[in-house]
Amino acid sequence: MTRYIIALIFTALLSGAGEAAELRLKFPALKSGGQVVYAVFDSKATWDARSPARLGGRTPAGRNEVLLDLPPGAYAVMAYHDRNGDERLNTLPVGLPTEPYG
């Protein structure tokens, strides 16, 4: 059985100190509808707590790229394909995700 996992590729183009940087999130072409939900974290503490994220959002599953303007720095990104539109990452009773994530 082939499992689909969202391949998340992100690139930050850093300029001089204090200037905005561009974070580009790329998602593969997804076969079913729904949306991609993503969160961007700017520290280990916010990643571990899963909230509050630096920013987050949703994009239709057919849109393959999102551009974000952020201050230069290091970021972590979490994303999942919300196939059924219930705005949560669905899991099995043992906690394993049933929707693609990355």
PDB file of N, CA and C in Angstrom:
ATOM      1  N   MET A   1       0.846  -1.167   0.000  1.00  0.00           N
ATOM      2  CA  MET A   1       0.000   0.000   0.000  1.00  0.00           C
ATOM      3  C   MET A   1       0.895   1.235   0.000  1.00  0.00           C
ATOM      4  N   THR A   2       0.607   2.089  -0.912  1.00  0.00           N
ATOM      5  CA  THR A   2       1.398   3.311  -0.989  1.00  0.00           C
ATOM      6  C   THR A   2       0.821   4.344  -0.041  1.00  0.00           C
ATOM      7  N   ARG A   3       1.672   4.940   0.748  1.00  0.00           N
ATOM      8  CA  ARG A   3       1.219   5.988   1.678  1.00  0.00           C
ATOM      9  C   ARG A   3       1.651   7.323   1.109  1.00  0.00           C
ATOM     10  N   TYR A   4       0.743   8.263   1.177  1.00  0.00           N
ATOM     11  CA  TYR A   4       1.057   9.600   0.685  1.00  0.00           C
ATOM     12  C   TYR A   4       1.489  10.467   1.851  1.00  0.00           C
ATOM     13  N   ILE A   5       2.644  11.038   1.726  1.00  0.00           N
ATOM     14  CA  ILE A   5       3.148  11.957   2.737  1.00  0.00           C
ATOM     15  C   ILE A   5       3.448  13.267   2.034  1.00  0.00           C
ATOM     16  N   ILE A   6       2.968  14.334   2.601  1.00  0.00           N
ATOM     17  CA  ILE A   6       3.230  15.638   2.001  1.00  0.00           C
ATOM     18  C   ILE A   6       4.717  15.925   2.076  1.00  0.00           C
ATOM     19  N   ALA A   7       5.308  16.168   0.940  1.00  0.00           N
ATOM     20  CA  ALA A   7       6.717  16.552   0.898  1.00  0.00           C
ATOM     21  C   ALA A   7       6.747  18.065   1.016  1.00  0.00           C
ATOM     22  N   LEU A   8       7.271  18.537   2.082  1.00  0.00           N
ATOM     23  CA  LEU A   8       7.279  19.971   2.341  1.00  0.00           C
ATOM     24  C   LEU A   8       8.679  20.504   2.104  1.00  0.00           C
ATOM     25  N   ILE A   9       8.781  21.362   1.133  1.00  0.00           N
ATOM     26  CA  ILE A   9      10.066  21.958   0.814  1.00  0.00           C
ATOM     27  C   ILE A   9       9.947  23.440   1.093  1.00  0.00           C
ATOM     28  N   PHE A  10      10.841  23.951   1.896  1.00  0.00           N
ATOM     29  CA  PHE A  10      10.765  25.378   2.156  1.00  0.00           C
ATOM     30  C   PHE A  10      12.128  26.009   2.000  1.00  0.00           C
ATOM     31  N   THR A  11      12.106  27.233   1.514  1.00  0.00           N
ATOM     32  CA  THR A  11      13.337  27.954   1.275  1.00  0.00           C
ATOM     33  C   THR A  11      13.181  29.356   1.817  1.00  0.00           C
ATOM     34  N   ALA A  12      14.129  29.810   2.588  1.00  0.00           N
ATOM     35  CA  ALA A  12      14.116  31.190   3.072  1.00  0.00           C
ATOM     36  C   ALA A  12      15.225  31.944   2.363  1.00  0.00           C
ATOM     37  N   LEU A  13      14.861  33.010   1.713  1.00  0.00           N
ATOM     38  CA  LEU A  13      15.847  33.850   1.049  1.00  0.00           C
ATOM     39  C   LEU A  13      16.120  35.017   1.984  1.00  0.00           C
ATOM     40  N   LEU A  14      17.293  35.018   2.589  1.00  0.00           N
ATOM     41  CA  LEU A  14      17.599  36.004   3.611  1.00  0.00           C
ATOM     42  C   LEU A  14      18.295  37.216   3.009  1.00  0.00           C
ATOM     43  N   SER A  15      17.835  38.385   3.428  1.00  0.00           N
ATOM     44  CA  SER A  15      18.462  39.634   3.019  1.00  0.00           C
ATOM     45  C   SER A  15      19.295  40.138   4.176  1.00  0.00           C
ATOM     46  N   GLY A  16      19.591  41.434   4.182  1.00  0.00           N
ATOM     47  CA  GLY A  16      20.347  42.034   5.271  1.00  0.00           C
ATOM     48  C   GLY A  16      19.552  42.028   6.560  1.00  0.00           C
ATOM     49  N   ALA A  17      20.218  42.287   7.677  1.00  0.00           N
ATOM     50  CA  ALA A  17      19.574  42.280   8.988  1.00  0.00           C
ATOM     51  C   ALA A  17      18.421  43.268   9.022  1.00  0.00           C
ATOM     52  N   GLY A  18      17.321  42.865   9.617  1.00  0.00           N
ATOM     53  CA  GLY A  18      16.173  43.734   9.787  1.00  0.00           C
ATOM     54  C   GLY A  18      15.245  43.788   8.588  1.00  0.00           C
ATOM     55  N   GLU A  19      15.649  43.230   7.458  1.00  0.00           N
ATOM     56  CA  GLU A  19      14.798  43.246   6.286  1.00  0.00           C
ATOM     57  C   GLU A  19      13.935  41.989   6.259  1.00  0.00           C
ATOM     58  N   ALA A  20      12.868  42.053   5.479  1.00  0.00           N
ATOM     59  CA  ALA A  20      11.975  40.906   5.378  1.00  0.00           C
ATOM     60  C   ALA A  20      12.645  39.788   4.583  1.00  0.00           C
ATOM     61  N   ALA A  21      12.279  38.572   4.890  1.00  0.00           N
ATOM     62  CA  ALA A  21      12.743  37.397   4.161  1.00  0.00           C
ATOM     63  C   ALA A  21      11.516  36.694   3.599  1.00  0.00           C
ATOM     64  N   GLU A  22      11.707  35.941   2.555  1.00  0.00           N
ATOM     65  CA  GLU A  22      10.606  35.220   1.935  1.00  0.00           C
ATOM     66  C   GLU A  22      10.721  33.744   2.285  1.00  0.00           C
ATOM     67  N   LEU A  23       9.666  33.201   2.854  1.00  0.00           N
ATOM     68  CA  LEU A  23       9.601  31.768   3.130  1.00  0.00           C
ATOM     69  C   LEU A  23       8.626  31.182   2.124  1.00  0.00           C
ATOM     70  N   ARG A  24       9.103  30.235   1.338  1.00  0.00           N
ATOM     71  CA  ARG A  24       8.284  29.639   0.281  1.00  0.00           C
ATOM     72  C   ARG A  24       7.949  28.208   0.683  1.00  0.00           C
ATOM     73  N   LEU A  25       6.666  27.918   0.849  1.00  0.00           N
ATOM     74  CA  LEU A  25       6.207  26.566   1.168  1.00  0.00           C
ATOM     75  C   LEU A  25       5.690  25.945  -0.122  1.00  0.00           C
ATOM     76  N   LYS A  26       6.201  24.771  -0.462  1.00  0.00           N
ATOM     77  CA  LYS A  26       5.752  24.082  -1.670  1.00  0.00           C
ATOM     78  C   LYS A  26       5.118  22.758  -1.271  1.00  0.00           C
ATOM     79  N   PHE A  27       3.929  22.513  -1.801  1.00  0.00           N
ATOM     80  CA  PHE A  27       3.196  21.279  -1.536  1.00  0.00           C
ATOM     81  C   PHE A  27       3.021  20.536  -2.858  1.00  0.00           C
ATOM     82  N   PRO A  28       3.083  19.211  -2.844  1.00  0.00           N
ATOM     83  CA  PRO A  28       2.897  18.458  -4.088  1.00  0.00           C
ATOM     84  C   PRO A  28       1.450  18.557  -4.555  1.00  0.00           C
ATOM     85  N   ALA A  29       1.216  18.191  -5.791  1.00  0.00           N
ATOM     86  CA  ALA A  29      -0.155  18.143  -6.295  1.00  0.00           C
ATOM     87  C   ALA A  29      -0.907  17.068  -5.515  1.00  0.00           C
ATOM     88  N   LEU A  30      -1.985  17.459  -4.875  1.00  0.00           N
ATOM     89  CA  LEU A  30      -2.759  16.524  -4.054  1.00  0.00           C
ATOM     90  C   LEU A  30      -3.952  16.034  -4.854  1.00  0.00           C
ATOM     91  N   LYS A  31      -4.241  14.737  -4.772  1.00  0.00           N
ATOM     92  CA  LYS A  31      -5.264  14.132  -5.616  1.00  0.00           C
ATOM     93  C   LYS A  31      -6.689  14.384  -5.141  1.00  0.00           C
ATOM     94  N   SER A  32      -6.910  14.527  -3.858  1.00  0.00           N
ATOM     95  CA  SER A  32      -8.270  14.762  -3.386  1.00  0.00           C
ATOM     96  C   SER A  32      -8.422  16.220  -2.989  1.00  0.00           C
ATOM     97  N   GLY A  33      -9.646  16.632  -2.747  1.00  0.00           N
ATOM     98  CA  GLY A  33      -9.921  18.018  -2.374  1.00  0.00           C
ATOM     99  C   GLY A  33      -9.449  18.334  -0.975  1.00  0.00           C
ATOM    100  N   GLY A  34     -10.148  19.218  -0.335  1.00  0.00           N
ATOM    101  CA  GLY A  34      -9.777  19.613   1.011  1.00  0.00           C
ATOM    102  C   GLY A  34      -8.845  20.805   0.994  1.00  0.00           C
ATOM    103  N   GLN A  35      -8.040  20.903   2.025  1.00  0.00           N
ATOM    104  CA  GLN A  35      -7.137  22.036   2.169  1.00  0.00           C
ATOM    105  C   GLN A  35      -5.848  21.593   2.838  1.00  0.00           C
ATOM    106  N   VAL A  36      -4.810  22.400   2.681  1.00  0.00           N
ATOM    107  CA  VAL A  36      -3.561  22.179   3.393  1.00  0.00           C
ATOM    108  C   VAL A  36      -3.530  23.180   4.540  1.00  0.00           C
ATOM    109  N   VAL A  37      -3.345  22.680   5.750  1.00  0.00           N
ATOM    110  CA  VAL A  37      -3.251  23.521   6.940  1.00  0.00           C
ATOM    111  C   VAL A  37      -1.782  23.546   7.344  1.00  0.00           C
ATOM    112  N   TYR A  38      -1.241  24.744   7.601  1.00  0.00           N
ATOM    113  CA  TYR A  38       0.173  24.845   7.949  1.00  0.00           C
ATOM    114  C   TYR A  38       0.373  25.793   9.125  1.00  0.00           C
ATOM    115  N   ALA A  39       1.477  25.581   9.824  1.00  0.00           N
ATOM    116  CA  ALA A  39       1.872  26.454  10.932  1.00  0.00           C
ATOM    117  C   ALA A  39       3.375  26.658  10.848  1.00  0.00           C
ATOM    118  N   VAL A  40       3.815  27.880  11.130  1.00  0.00           N
ATOM    119  CA  VAL A  40       5.234  28.232  11.102  1.00  0.00           C
ATOM    120  C   VAL A  40       5.647  28.612  12.518  1.00  0.00           C
ATOM    121  N   PHE A  41       6.698  27.978  13.011  1.00  0.00           N
ATOM    122  CA  PHE A  41       7.180  28.202  14.379  1.00  0.00           C
ATOM    123  C   PHE A  41       8.551  28.857  14.328  1.00  0.00           C
ATOM    124  N   ASP A  42       8.803  29.794  15.251  1.00  0.00           N
ATOM    125  CA  ASP A  42      10.082  30.506  15.245  1.00  0.00           C
ATOM    126  C   ASP A  42      10.981  30.189  16.433  1.00  0.00           C
ATOM    127  N   SER A  43      10.574  29.214  17.267  1.00  0.00           N
ATOM    128  CA  SER A  43      11.436  28.820  18.387  1.00  0.00           C
ATOM    129  C   SER A  43      11.108  27.395  18.815  1.00  0.00           C
ATOM    130  N   LYS A  44      12.029  26.779  19.527  1.00  0.00           N
ATOM    131  CA  LYS A  44      11.799  25.426  20.045  1.00  0.00           C
ATOM    132  C   LYS A  44      10.622  25.416  21.012  1.00  0.00           C
ATOM    133  N   ALA A  45      10.495  26.471  21.820  1.00  0.00           N
ATOM    134  CA  ALA A  45       9.406  26.536  22.802  1.00  0.00           C
ATOM    135  C   ALA A  45       8.039  26.542  22.120  1.00  0.00           C
ATOM    136  N   THR A  46       7.876  27.330  21.050  1.00  0.00           N
ATOM    137  CA  THR A  46       6.572  27.350  20.380  1.00  0.00           C
ATOM    138  C   THR A  46       6.326  26.043  19.631  1.00  0.00           C
ATOM    139  N   TRP A  47       7.393  25.416  19.095  1.00  0.00           N
ATOM    140  CA  TRP A  47       7.229  24.118  18.433  1.00  0.00           C
ATOM    141  C   TRP A  47       6.769  23.066  19.438  1.00  0.00           C
ATOM    142  N   ASP A  48       7.448  22.994  20.590  1.00  0.00           N
ATOM    143  CA  ASP A  48       7.101  21.998  21.605  1.00  0.00           C
ATOM    144  C   ASP A  48       5.680  22.189  22.121  1.00  0.00           C
ATOM    145  N   ALA A  49       5.262  23.435  22.287  1.00  0.00           N
ATOM    146  CA  ALA A  49       3.918  23.722  22.798  1.00  0.00           C
ATOM    147  C   ALA A  49       2.861  23.622  21.700  1.00  0.00           C
ATOM    148  N   ARG A  50       3.280  23.626  20.435  1.00  0.00           N
ATOM    149  CA  ARG A  50       2.396  23.618  19.270  1.00  0.00           C
ATOM    150  C   ARG A  50       1.489  24.846  19.227  1.00  0.00           C
ATOM    151  N   SER A  51       1.765  25.802  20.088  1.00  0.00           N
ATOM    152  CA  SER A  51       0.962  27.017  20.095  1.00  0.00           C
ATOM    153  C   SER A  51       1.621  28.017  21.021  1.00  0.00           C
ATOM    154  N   PRO A  52       1.587  29.288  20.783  1.00  0.00           N
ATOM    155  CA  PRO A  52       1.106  29.868  19.530  1.00  0.00           C
ATOM    156  C   PRO A  52       2.189  29.801  18.460  1.00  0.00           C
ATOM    157  N   ALA A  53       1.777  29.524  17.270  1.00  0.00           N
ATOM    158  CA  ALA A  53       2.707  29.509  16.143  1.00  0.00           C
ATOM    159  C   ALA A  53       3.018  30.944  15.746  1.00  0.00           C
ATOM    160  N   ARG A  54       4.129  31.138  15.092  1.00  0.00           N
ATOM    161  CA  ARG A  54       4.472  32.471  14.571  1.00  0.00           C
ATOM    162  C   ARG A  54       3.362  32.930  13.633  1.00  0.00           C
ATOM    163  N   LEU A  55       2.910  32.032  12.784  1.00  0.00           N
ATOM    164  CA  LEU A  55       1.751  32.278  11.939  1.00  0.00           C
ATOM    165  C   LEU A  55       1.269  30.951  11.404  1.00  0.00           C
ATOM    166  N   GLY A  56       0.070  30.936  10.901  1.00  0.00           N
ATOM    167  CA  GLY A  56      -0.505  29.721  10.349  1.00  0.00           C
ATOM    168  C   GLY A  56      -1.530  30.090   9.303  1.00  0.00           C
ATOM    169  N   GLY A  57      -2.003  29.110   8.585  1.00  0.00           N
ATOM    170  CA  GLY A  57      -3.000  29.386   7.573  1.00  0.00           C
ATOM    171  C   GLY A  57      -3.484  28.130   6.892  1.00  0.00           C
ATOM    172  N   ARG A  58      -4.353  28.358   5.925  1.00  0.00           N
ATOM    173  CA  ARG A  58      -4.926  27.279   5.131  1.00  0.00           C
ATOM    174  C   ARG A  58      -4.868  27.697   3.673  1.00  0.00           C
ATOM    175  N   THR A  59      -4.728  26.730   2.811  1.00  0.00           N
ATOM    176  CA  THR A  59      -4.748  26.995   1.381  1.00  0.00           C
ATOM    177  C   THR A  59      -5.456  25.825   0.701  1.00  0.00           C
ATOM    178  N   PRO A  60      -6.205  26.068  -0.376  1.00  0.00           N
ATOM    179  CA  PRO A  60      -6.864  24.958  -1.067  1.00  0.00           C
ATOM    180  C   PRO A  60      -5.840  23.914  -1.507  1.00  0.00           C
ATOM    181  N   ALA A  61      -6.238  22.658  -1.492  1.00  0.00           N
ATOM    182  CA  ALA A  61      -5.318  21.565  -1.817  1.00  0.00           C
ATOM    183  C   ALA A  61      -4.733  21.693  -3.217  1.00  0.00           C
ATOM    184  N   GLY A  62      -5.406  22.347  -4.141  1.00  0.00           N
ATOM    185  CA  GLY A  62      -4.887  22.505  -5.494  1.00  0.00           C
ATOM    186  C   GLY A  62      -3.808  23.565  -5.631  1.00  0.00           C
ATOM    187  N   ARG A  63      -3.655  24.405  -4.625  1.00  0.00           N
ATOM    188  CA  ARG A  63      -2.627  25.454  -4.664  1.00  0.00           C
ATOM    189  C   ARG A  63      -1.324  24.860  -4.141  1.00  0.00           C
ATOM    190  N   ASN A  64      -0.291  24.866  -4.954  1.00  0.00           N
ATOM    191  CA  ASN A  64       0.942  24.158  -4.608  1.00  0.00           C
ATOM    192  C   ASN A  64       1.993  24.998  -3.911  1.00  0.00           C
ATOM    193  N   GLU A  65       1.794  26.312  -3.801  1.00  0.00           N
ATOM    194  CA  GLU A  65       2.840  27.150  -3.231  1.00  0.00           C
ATOM    195  C   GLU A  65       2.239  28.289  -2.415  1.00  0.00           C
ATOM    196  N   VAL A  66       2.879  28.589  -1.294  1.00  0.00           N
ATOM    197  CA  VAL A  66       2.490  29.709  -0.442  1.00  0.00           C
ATOM    198  C   VAL A  66       3.752  30.512  -0.160  1.00  0.00           C
ATOM    199  N   LEU A  67       3.687  31.826  -0.334  1.00  0.00           N
ATOM    200  CA  LEU A  67       4.814  32.709  -0.037  1.00  0.00           C
ATOM    201  C   LEU A  67       4.494  33.509   1.215  1.00  0.00           C
ATOM    202  N   LEU A  68       5.429  33.528   2.150  1.00  0.00           N
ATOM    203  CA  LEU A  68       5.241  34.251   3.405  1.00  0.00           C
ATOM    204  C   LEU A  68       6.399  35.221   3.596  1.00  0.00           C
ATOM    205  N   ASP A  69       6.100  36.445   4.022  1.00  0.00           N
ATOM    206  CA  ASP A  69       7.140  37.420   4.354  1.00  0.00           C
ATOM    207  C   ASP A  69       7.362  37.389   5.851  1.00  0.00           C
ATOM    208  N   LEU A  70       8.572  37.060   6.258  1.00  0.00           N
ATOM    209  CA  LEU A  70       8.928  36.934   7.670  1.00  0.00           C
ATOM    210  C   LEU A  70      10.260  37.620   7.920  1.00  0.00           C
ATOM    211  N   PRO A  71      10.540  37.968   9.175  1.00  0.00           N
ATOM    212  CA  PRO A  71      11.875  38.472   9.489  1.00  0.00           C
ATOM    213  C   PRO A  71      12.901  37.359   9.254  1.00  0.00           C
ATOM    214  N   PRO A  72      14.129  37.705   8.887  1.00  0.00           N
ATOM    215  CA  PRO A  72      15.157  36.677   8.717  1.00  0.00           C
ATOM    216  C   PRO A  72      15.310  35.855   9.997  1.00  0.00           C
ATOM    217  N   GLY A  73      15.509  34.564   9.857  1.00  0.00           N
ATOM    218  CA  GLY A  73      15.665  33.701  11.019  1.00  0.00           C
ATOM    219  C   GLY A  73      15.488  32.246  10.656  1.00  0.00           C
ATOM    220  N   ALA A  74      15.460  31.407  11.677  1.00  0.00           N
ATOM    221  CA  ALA A  74      15.257  29.966  11.502  1.00  0.00           C
ATOM    222  C   ALA A  74      13.814  29.639  11.860  1.00  0.00           C
ATOM    223  N   TYR A  75      13.168  28.835  11.052  1.00  0.00           N
ATOM    224  CA  TYR A  75      11.766  28.490  11.248  1.00  0.00           C
ATOM    225  C   TYR A  75      11.560  26.988  11.061  1.00  0.00           C
ATOM    226  N   ALA A  76      10.544  26.461  11.723  1.00  0.00           N
ATOM    227  CA  ALA A  76      10.094  25.084  11.517  1.00  0.00           C
ATOM    228  C   ALA A  76       8.664  25.161  10.999  1.00  0.00           C
ATOM    229  N   VAL A  77       8.315  24.245  10.104  1.00  0.00           N
ATOM    230  CA  VAL A  77       6.987  24.253   9.495  1.00  0.00           C
ATOM    231  C   VAL A  77       6.326  22.903   9.719  1.00  0.00           C
ATOM    232  N   MET A  78       5.047  22.939  10.068  1.00  0.00           N
ATOM    233  CA  MET A  78       4.237  21.736  10.217  1.00  0.00           C
ATOM    234  C   MET A  78       3.046  21.901   9.269  1.00  0.00           C
ATOM    235  N   ALA A  79       2.697  20.847   8.518  1.00  0.00           N
ATOM    236  CA  ALA A  79       1.569  20.940   7.593  1.00  0.00           C
ATOM    237  C   ALA A  79       0.881  19.588   7.480  1.00  0.00           C
ATOM    238  N   TYR A  80      -0.413  19.632   7.162  1.00  0.00           N
ATOM    239  CA  TYR A  80      -1.136  18.395   6.872  1.00  0.00           C
ATOM    240  C   TYR A  80      -2.216  18.664   5.841  1.00  0.00           C
ATOM    241  N   HIS A  81      -2.613  17.613   5.121  1.00  0.00           N
ATOM    242  CA  HIS A  81      -3.664  17.698   4.115  1.00  0.00           C
ATOM    243  C   HIS A  81      -4.986  17.334   4.790  1.00  0.00           C
ATOM    244  N   ASP A  82      -5.789  18.339   5.051  1.00  0.00           N
ATOM    245  CA  ASP A  82      -7.097  18.151   5.690  1.00  0.00           C
ATOM    246  C   ASP A  82      -8.088  17.734   4.603  1.00  0.00           C
ATOM    247  N   ARG A  83      -8.098  16.448   4.291  1.00  0.00           N
ATOM    248  CA  ARG A  83      -8.898  15.937   3.172  1.00  0.00           C
ATOM    249  C   ARG A  83     -10.396  16.114   3.366  1.00  0.00           C
ATOM    250  N   ASN A  84     -10.875  15.992   4.601  1.00  0.00           N
ATOM    251  CA  ASN A  84     -12.317  16.055   4.831  1.00  0.00           C
ATOM    252  C   ASN A  84     -12.790  17.414   5.341  1.00  0.00           C
ATOM    253  N   GLY A  85     -11.898  18.383   5.481  1.00  0.00           N
ATOM    254  CA  GLY A  85     -12.287  19.741   5.850  1.00  0.00           C
ATOM    255  C   GLY A  85     -12.746  19.929   7.280  1.00  0.00           C
ATOM    256  N   ASP A  86     -12.392  19.010   8.188  1.00  0.00           N
ATOM    257  CA  ASP A  86     -12.838  19.160   9.578  1.00  0.00           C
ATOM    258  C   ASP A  86     -11.873  19.991  10.430  1.00  0.00           C
ATOM    259  N   GLU A  87     -10.834  20.542   9.792  1.00  0.00           N
ATOM    260  CA  GLU A  87      -9.865  21.438  10.437  1.00  0.00           C
ATOM    261  C   GLU A  87      -9.091  20.797  11.587  1.00  0.00           C
ATOM    262  N   ARG A  88      -8.846  19.492  11.479  1.00  0.00           N
ATOM    263  CA  ARG A  88      -7.991  18.815  12.455  1.00  0.00           C
ATOM    264  C   ARG A  88      -7.307  17.637  11.769  1.00  0.00           C
ATOM    265  N   LEU A  89      -6.151  17.263  12.287  1.00  0.00           N
ATOM    266  CA  LEU A  89      -5.424  16.112  11.758  1.00  0.00           C
ATOM    267  C   LEU A  89      -6.076  14.857  12.327  1.00  0.00           C
ATOM    268  N   ASN A  90      -6.752  14.100  11.481  1.00  0.00           N
ATOM    269  CA  ASN A  90      -7.434  12.891  11.935  1.00  0.00           C
ATOM    270  C   ASN A  90      -6.424  11.791  12.226  1.00  0.00           C
ATOM    271  N   THR A  91      -6.683  11.033  13.286  1.00  0.00           N
ATOM    272  CA  THR A  91      -5.779   9.966  13.709  1.00  0.00           C
ATOM    273  C   THR A  91      -6.559   8.699  14.034  1.00  0.00           C
ATOM    274  N   LEU A  92      -5.841   7.584  14.049  1.00  0.00           N
ATOM    275  CA  LEU A  92      -6.393   6.317  14.526  1.00  0.00           C
ATOM    276  C   LEU A  92      -6.467   6.374  16.048  1.00  0.00           C
ATOM    277  N   PRO A  93      -7.193   5.455  16.686  1.00  0.00           N
ATOM    278  CA  PRO A  93      -7.252   5.450  18.156  1.00  0.00           C
ATOM    279  C   PRO A  93      -5.879   5.376  18.833  1.00  0.00           C
ATOM    280  N   VAL A  94      -4.888   4.805  18.153  1.00  0.00           N
ATOM    281  CA  VAL A  94      -3.549   4.711  18.751  1.00  0.00           C
ATOM    282  C   VAL A  94      -2.709   5.960  18.488  1.00  0.00           C
ATOM    283  N   GLY A  95      -3.282   6.953  17.792  1.00  0.00           N
ATOM    284  CA  GLY A  95      -2.595   8.217  17.572  1.00  0.00           C
ATOM    285  C   GLY A  95      -1.893   8.379  16.237  1.00  0.00           C
ATOM    286  N   LEU A  96      -1.888   7.358  15.389  1.00  0.00           N
ATOM    287  CA  LEU A  96      -1.247   7.468  14.078  1.00  0.00           C
ATOM    288  C   LEU A  96      -2.123   8.282  13.132  1.00  0.00           C
ATOM    289  N   PRO A  97      -1.548   9.234  12.407  1.00  0.00           N
ATOM    290  CA  PRO A  97      -2.336  10.064  11.494  1.00  0.00           C
ATOM    291  C   PRO A  97      -2.939   9.254  10.350  1.00  0.00           C
ATOM    292  N   THR A  98      -4.160   9.615   9.962  1.00  0.00           N
ATOM    293  CA  THR A  98      -4.819   9.004   8.810  1.00  0.00           C
ATOM    294  C   THR A  98      -4.838   9.956   7.620  1.00  0.00           C
ATOM    295  N   GLU A  99      -4.359  11.178   7.807  1.00  0.00           N
ATOM    296  CA  GLU A  99      -4.260  12.148   6.726  1.00  0.00           C
ATOM    297  C   GLU A  99      -2.775  12.447   6.498  1.00  0.00           C
ATOM    298  N   PRO A 100      -2.395  12.734   5.243  1.00  0.00           N
ATOM    299  CA  PRO A 100      -0.990  13.029   4.958  1.00  0.00           C
ATOM    300  C   PRO A 100      -0.499  14.240   5.756  1.00  0.00           C
ATOM    301  N   TYR A 101       0.729  14.178   6.221  1.00  0.00           N
ATOM    302  CA  TYR A 101       1.284  15.267   7.028  1.00  0.00           C
ATOM    303  C   TYR A 101       2.774  15.413   6.757  1.00  0.00           C
ATOM    304  N   GLY A 102       3.319  16.514   7.179  1.00  0.00           N
ATOM    305  CA  GLY A 102       4.751  16.737   7.031  1.00  0.00           C
ATOM    306  C   GLY A 102       5.209  17.861   7.928  1.00  0.00           C
TER     307      GLY A 102
END
